[in-house]
N, C-alpha and C. Protein backbone atom coordinates (compact mmCIF):
# COMPACT_ATOMS: atom_id res chain seq x y z
N MET A 1 0.85 -1.18 0.00
CA MET A 1 0.00 0.00 0.00
C MET A 1 0.89 1.24 0.00
N SER A 2 0.65 2.14 -0.90
CA SER A 2 1.46 3.36 -0.97
C SER A 2 0.95 4.40 0.02
N ALA A 3 1.85 5.28 0.41
CA ALA A 3 1.49 6.34 1.34
C ALA A 3 0.62 7.38 0.62
N ILE A 4 -0.26 8.02 1.37
CA ILE A 4 -1.23 8.96 0.83
C ILE A 4 -0.78 10.38 1.14
N LYS A 5 -0.93 11.31 0.18
CA LYS A 5 -0.52 12.69 0.39
C LYS A 5 -1.54 13.47 1.19
N ARG A 6 -2.81 13.32 0.86
CA ARG A 6 -3.86 14.11 1.50
C ARG A 6 -5.14 13.30 1.55
N ILE A 7 -5.89 13.46 2.64
CA ILE A 7 -7.16 12.74 2.79
C ILE A 7 -8.26 13.76 3.01
N ILE A 8 -9.35 13.59 2.28
CA ILE A 8 -10.54 14.41 2.49
C ILE A 8 -11.63 13.43 2.93
N PRO A 9 -11.97 13.42 4.24
CA PRO A 9 -12.96 12.48 4.74
C PRO A 9 -14.33 12.67 4.09
N MET A 10 -15.07 11.60 3.93
CA MET A 10 -16.42 11.65 3.35
C MET A 10 -17.46 11.67 4.47
N LEU A 11 -18.58 12.30 4.19
CA LEU A 11 -19.74 12.38 5.08
C LEU A 11 -19.34 12.72 6.51
N ASP A 12 -19.65 11.84 7.47
CA ASP A 12 -19.40 12.16 8.88
C ASP A 12 -18.09 11.57 9.41
N ARG A 13 -17.13 11.34 8.52
CA ARG A 13 -15.86 10.77 8.95
C ARG A 13 -14.92 11.88 9.41
N VAL A 14 -14.05 11.53 10.36
CA VAL A 14 -13.10 12.47 10.95
C VAL A 14 -11.71 11.82 10.96
N LEU A 15 -10.70 12.52 10.42
CA LEU A 15 -9.32 12.03 10.43
C LEU A 15 -8.65 12.56 11.69
N VAL A 16 -8.06 11.64 12.47
CA VAL A 16 -7.51 11.97 13.78
C VAL A 16 -6.07 11.51 13.88
N LYS A 17 -5.23 12.32 14.54
CA LYS A 17 -3.88 11.90 14.90
C LYS A 17 -3.91 11.62 16.39
N ARG A 18 -3.69 10.38 16.75
CA ARG A 18 -3.69 9.99 18.16
C ARG A 18 -2.52 10.63 18.88
N ALA A 19 -2.72 11.05 20.12
CA ALA A 19 -1.66 11.65 20.94
C ALA A 19 -0.57 10.61 21.20
N GLU A 20 0.63 11.08 21.35
CA GLU A 20 1.78 10.21 21.60
C GLU A 20 1.65 9.53 22.98
N THR A 21 2.05 8.26 23.03
CA THR A 21 2.03 7.50 24.27
C THR A 21 3.21 7.92 25.14
N LEU A 22 2.97 8.03 26.45
CA LEU A 22 4.03 8.37 27.38
C LEU A 22 5.01 7.20 27.48
N THR A 23 6.30 7.53 27.27
CA THR A 23 7.31 6.47 27.34
C THR A 23 8.12 6.55 28.63
N THR A 24 8.00 7.65 29.35
CA THR A 24 8.67 7.79 30.65
C THR A 24 7.71 8.40 31.66
N THR A 25 7.96 8.13 32.92
CA THR A 25 7.13 8.72 33.98
C THR A 25 7.65 10.11 34.31
N LYS A 26 6.92 10.84 35.14
CA LYS A 26 7.35 12.16 35.56
C LYS A 26 8.70 12.11 36.28
N GLY A 27 8.97 11.00 36.95
CA GLY A 27 10.23 10.83 37.65
C GLY A 27 11.38 10.40 36.77
N GLY A 28 11.12 10.16 35.47
CA GLY A 28 12.17 9.81 34.53
C GLY A 28 12.35 8.33 34.30
N ILE A 29 11.48 7.50 34.86
CA ILE A 29 11.59 6.04 34.67
C ILE A 29 11.05 5.69 33.28
N VAL A 30 11.82 4.93 32.51
CA VAL A 30 11.40 4.51 31.17
C VAL A 30 10.43 3.34 31.30
N LEU A 31 9.30 3.47 30.65
CA LEU A 31 8.27 2.42 30.70
C LEU A 31 8.48 1.42 29.57
N PRO A 32 8.39 0.11 29.87
CA PRO A 32 8.48 -0.88 28.79
C PRO A 32 7.23 -0.78 27.91
N GLU A 33 7.35 -1.25 26.68
CA GLU A 33 6.26 -1.13 25.72
C GLU A 33 4.95 -1.73 26.22
N LYS A 34 5.01 -2.86 26.92
CA LYS A 34 3.79 -3.51 27.43
C LYS A 34 3.09 -2.69 28.50
N ALA A 35 3.84 -1.87 29.23
CA ALA A 35 3.27 -1.06 30.31
C ALA A 35 2.68 0.26 29.81
N GLN A 36 3.01 0.62 28.57
CA GLN A 36 2.51 1.87 28.02
C GLN A 36 1.04 1.71 27.65
N GLY A 37 0.21 2.61 28.13
CA GLY A 37 -1.22 2.55 27.80
C GLY A 37 -1.50 3.17 26.46
N LYS A 38 -2.60 2.76 25.85
CA LYS A 38 -3.02 3.32 24.59
C LYS A 38 -3.64 4.68 24.86
N MET A 39 -3.16 5.72 24.17
CA MET A 39 -3.68 7.07 24.38
C MET A 39 -5.09 7.16 23.79
N MET A 40 -5.99 7.69 24.58
CA MET A 40 -7.37 7.81 24.13
C MET A 40 -7.69 9.26 23.75
N GLU A 41 -6.64 10.05 23.56
CA GLU A 41 -6.81 11.44 23.17
C GLU A 41 -6.20 11.64 21.80
N GLY A 42 -6.79 12.54 21.01
CA GLY A 42 -6.25 12.82 19.69
C GLY A 42 -6.59 14.22 19.24
N THR A 43 -6.05 14.60 18.09
CA THR A 43 -6.30 15.89 17.49
C THR A 43 -6.95 15.69 16.12
N VAL A 44 -7.99 16.46 15.84
CA VAL A 44 -8.71 16.36 14.57
C VAL A 44 -7.84 16.99 13.49
N ILE A 45 -7.56 16.26 12.42
CA ILE A 45 -6.75 16.72 11.31
C ILE A 45 -7.63 17.20 10.16
N ALA A 46 -8.70 16.45 9.86
CA ALA A 46 -9.63 16.81 8.77
C ALA A 46 -11.02 16.28 9.11
N VAL A 47 -12.04 16.97 8.61
CA VAL A 47 -13.44 16.60 8.88
C VAL A 47 -14.21 16.58 7.57
N GLY A 48 -15.07 15.58 7.40
CA GLY A 48 -15.94 15.53 6.23
C GLY A 48 -17.06 16.56 6.35
N PRO A 49 -17.89 16.68 5.30
CA PRO A 49 -18.96 17.68 5.32
C PRO A 49 -20.09 17.38 6.28
N GLY A 50 -20.17 16.17 6.81
CA GLY A 50 -21.21 15.80 7.76
C GLY A 50 -22.17 14.77 7.17
N ALA A 51 -22.91 14.10 8.03
CA ALA A 51 -23.89 13.11 7.59
C ALA A 51 -25.03 13.81 6.87
N ARG A 52 -25.73 13.09 6.03
CA ARG A 52 -26.86 13.67 5.30
C ARG A 52 -28.15 13.51 6.12
N ASN A 53 -28.96 14.54 6.13
CA ASN A 53 -30.28 14.50 6.75
C ASN A 53 -31.16 13.64 5.86
N ALA A 54 -31.82 12.65 6.44
CA ALA A 54 -32.63 11.70 5.67
C ALA A 54 -33.81 12.39 4.96
N GLN A 55 -34.38 13.43 5.54
CA GLN A 55 -35.54 14.08 4.95
C GLN A 55 -35.18 15.13 3.90
N THR A 56 -34.16 15.95 4.19
CA THR A 56 -33.83 17.04 3.27
C THR A 56 -32.67 16.71 2.33
N GLY A 57 -31.83 15.75 2.70
CA GLY A 57 -30.69 15.39 1.89
C GLY A 57 -29.51 16.33 2.08
N GLU A 58 -29.65 17.35 2.93
CA GLU A 58 -28.57 18.29 3.19
C GLU A 58 -27.60 17.72 4.22
N HIS A 59 -26.36 18.20 4.16
CA HIS A 59 -25.36 17.77 5.13
C HIS A 59 -25.63 18.44 6.47
N MET A 60 -25.53 17.67 7.58
CA MET A 60 -25.63 18.22 8.93
C MET A 60 -24.23 18.60 9.37
N LYS A 61 -24.05 19.81 9.88
CA LYS A 61 -22.74 20.31 10.26
C LYS A 61 -22.14 19.43 11.36
N PRO A 62 -20.86 19.02 11.19
CA PRO A 62 -20.20 18.22 12.23
C PRO A 62 -19.98 19.03 13.51
N ALA A 63 -19.90 18.33 14.65
CA ALA A 63 -19.72 18.98 15.94
C ALA A 63 -18.24 19.27 16.23
N VAL A 64 -17.33 18.69 15.45
CA VAL A 64 -15.90 18.92 15.64
C VAL A 64 -15.33 19.62 14.44
N LYS A 65 -14.18 20.30 14.63
CA LYS A 65 -13.51 20.97 13.52
C LYS A 65 -12.01 20.68 13.62
N GLU A 66 -11.28 21.00 12.56
CA GLU A 66 -9.84 20.78 12.54
C GLU A 66 -9.17 21.48 13.74
N GLY A 67 -8.27 20.77 14.38
CA GLY A 67 -7.54 21.31 15.51
C GLY A 67 -8.14 20.99 16.87
N ASP A 68 -9.39 20.51 16.91
CA ASP A 68 -10.03 20.16 18.19
C ASP A 68 -9.32 18.97 18.82
N ARG A 69 -9.20 19.00 20.15
CA ARG A 69 -8.70 17.84 20.91
C ARG A 69 -9.92 17.02 21.29
N ILE A 70 -9.84 15.72 21.08
CA ILE A 70 -11.00 14.85 21.33
C ILE A 70 -10.61 13.62 22.13
N LEU A 71 -11.63 13.00 22.73
CA LEU A 71 -11.48 11.75 23.47
C LEU A 71 -11.95 10.64 22.56
N LEU A 72 -11.11 9.63 22.37
CA LEU A 72 -11.40 8.53 21.44
C LEU A 72 -11.76 7.25 22.18
N PRO A 73 -12.51 6.36 21.52
CA PRO A 73 -12.75 5.04 22.13
C PRO A 73 -11.43 4.25 22.13
N GLU A 74 -11.33 3.28 23.02
CA GLU A 74 -10.11 2.49 23.12
C GLU A 74 -9.84 1.70 21.85
N PHE A 75 -10.89 1.19 21.22
CA PHE A 75 -10.75 0.40 20.01
C PHE A 75 -11.55 1.05 18.89
N GLY A 76 -11.21 0.71 17.67
CA GLY A 76 -11.95 1.22 16.53
C GLY A 76 -11.11 2.15 15.67
N GLY A 77 -11.73 2.67 14.65
CA GLY A 77 -11.04 3.54 13.71
C GLY A 77 -10.32 2.72 12.64
N THR A 78 -10.12 3.36 11.50
CA THR A 78 -9.41 2.73 10.39
C THR A 78 -8.05 3.39 10.27
N LYS A 79 -6.99 2.59 10.32
CA LYS A 79 -5.63 3.14 10.26
C LYS A 79 -5.32 3.59 8.84
N VAL A 80 -4.65 4.76 8.74
CA VAL A 80 -4.22 5.32 7.47
C VAL A 80 -2.80 5.81 7.63
N GLU A 81 -1.91 5.46 6.67
CA GLU A 81 -0.53 5.93 6.72
C GLU A 81 -0.35 7.01 5.66
N MET A 82 0.16 8.16 6.09
CA MET A 82 0.39 9.29 5.19
C MET A 82 1.85 9.30 4.75
N GLU A 83 2.20 10.22 3.83
CA GLU A 83 3.56 10.32 3.33
C GLU A 83 4.58 10.61 4.44
N ASP A 84 4.13 11.30 5.51
CA ASP A 84 5.08 11.64 6.59
C ASP A 84 5.37 10.44 7.50
N LYS A 85 4.89 9.25 7.10
CA LYS A 85 5.11 7.99 7.82
C LYS A 85 4.48 7.95 9.20
N LYS A 86 3.56 8.88 9.46
CA LYS A 86 2.83 8.87 10.73
C LYS A 86 1.51 8.17 10.52
N GLU A 87 1.01 7.59 11.59
CA GLU A 87 -0.24 6.86 11.52
C GLU A 87 -1.42 7.73 11.97
N TYR A 88 -2.46 7.73 11.18
CA TYR A 88 -3.68 8.49 11.48
C TYR A 88 -4.83 7.49 11.53
N LEU A 89 -5.93 7.92 12.10
CA LEU A 89 -7.13 7.07 12.19
C LEU A 89 -8.33 7.81 11.65
N LEU A 90 -9.21 7.07 10.97
CA LEU A 90 -10.47 7.61 10.49
C LEU A 90 -11.57 7.06 11.38
N PHE A 91 -12.37 7.94 11.98
CA PHE A 91 -13.50 7.57 12.83
C PHE A 91 -14.77 8.18 12.26
N ARG A 92 -15.91 7.57 12.54
CA ARG A 92 -17.19 8.24 12.31
C ARG A 92 -17.35 9.25 13.43
N GLU A 93 -17.98 10.35 13.15
CA GLU A 93 -18.17 11.39 14.17
C GLU A 93 -18.90 10.82 15.38
N SER A 94 -19.83 9.92 15.17
CA SER A 94 -20.61 9.35 16.28
C SER A 94 -19.76 8.46 17.18
N ASP A 95 -18.58 8.02 16.72
CA ASP A 95 -17.69 7.19 17.55
C ASP A 95 -16.86 8.03 18.53
N ILE A 96 -16.74 9.32 18.26
CA ILE A 96 -15.95 10.20 19.14
C ILE A 96 -16.69 10.39 20.45
N LEU A 97 -15.99 10.19 21.58
CA LEU A 97 -16.61 10.21 22.88
C LEU A 97 -16.86 11.63 23.42
N ALA A 98 -15.89 12.54 23.21
CA ALA A 98 -16.04 13.89 23.77
C ALA A 98 -15.05 14.84 23.11
N LYS A 99 -15.33 16.13 23.23
CA LYS A 99 -14.43 17.19 22.83
C LYS A 99 -13.74 17.69 24.08
N LEU A 100 -12.42 17.88 24.02
CA LEU A 100 -11.67 18.34 25.19
C LEU A 100 -11.33 19.82 25.05
N GLU A 101 -11.47 20.56 26.15
CA GLU A 101 -11.15 21.99 26.14
C GLU A 101 -10.11 22.30 27.18
């Protein structure tokens, strides 16, 4: 699979970059890979136009926008690799648990 330059999410999909996992404690102790927890926080990179209203056919405005910090479910999302060799995830807007401020 080749790396992708740019992604434009469809409908209610949201492209997210998961926050980096902590590799050391505040005291400076290095954590082994098995002890590192999966980060449930991320940053919105791109947002689709929104889901379609069944009656009018118009797009409903998404509740998140680019740059928002969000709380993610522990599992789910579709992994996408971009040209910068970083891993991103595509979620449906309804899968996002919360917006962080």
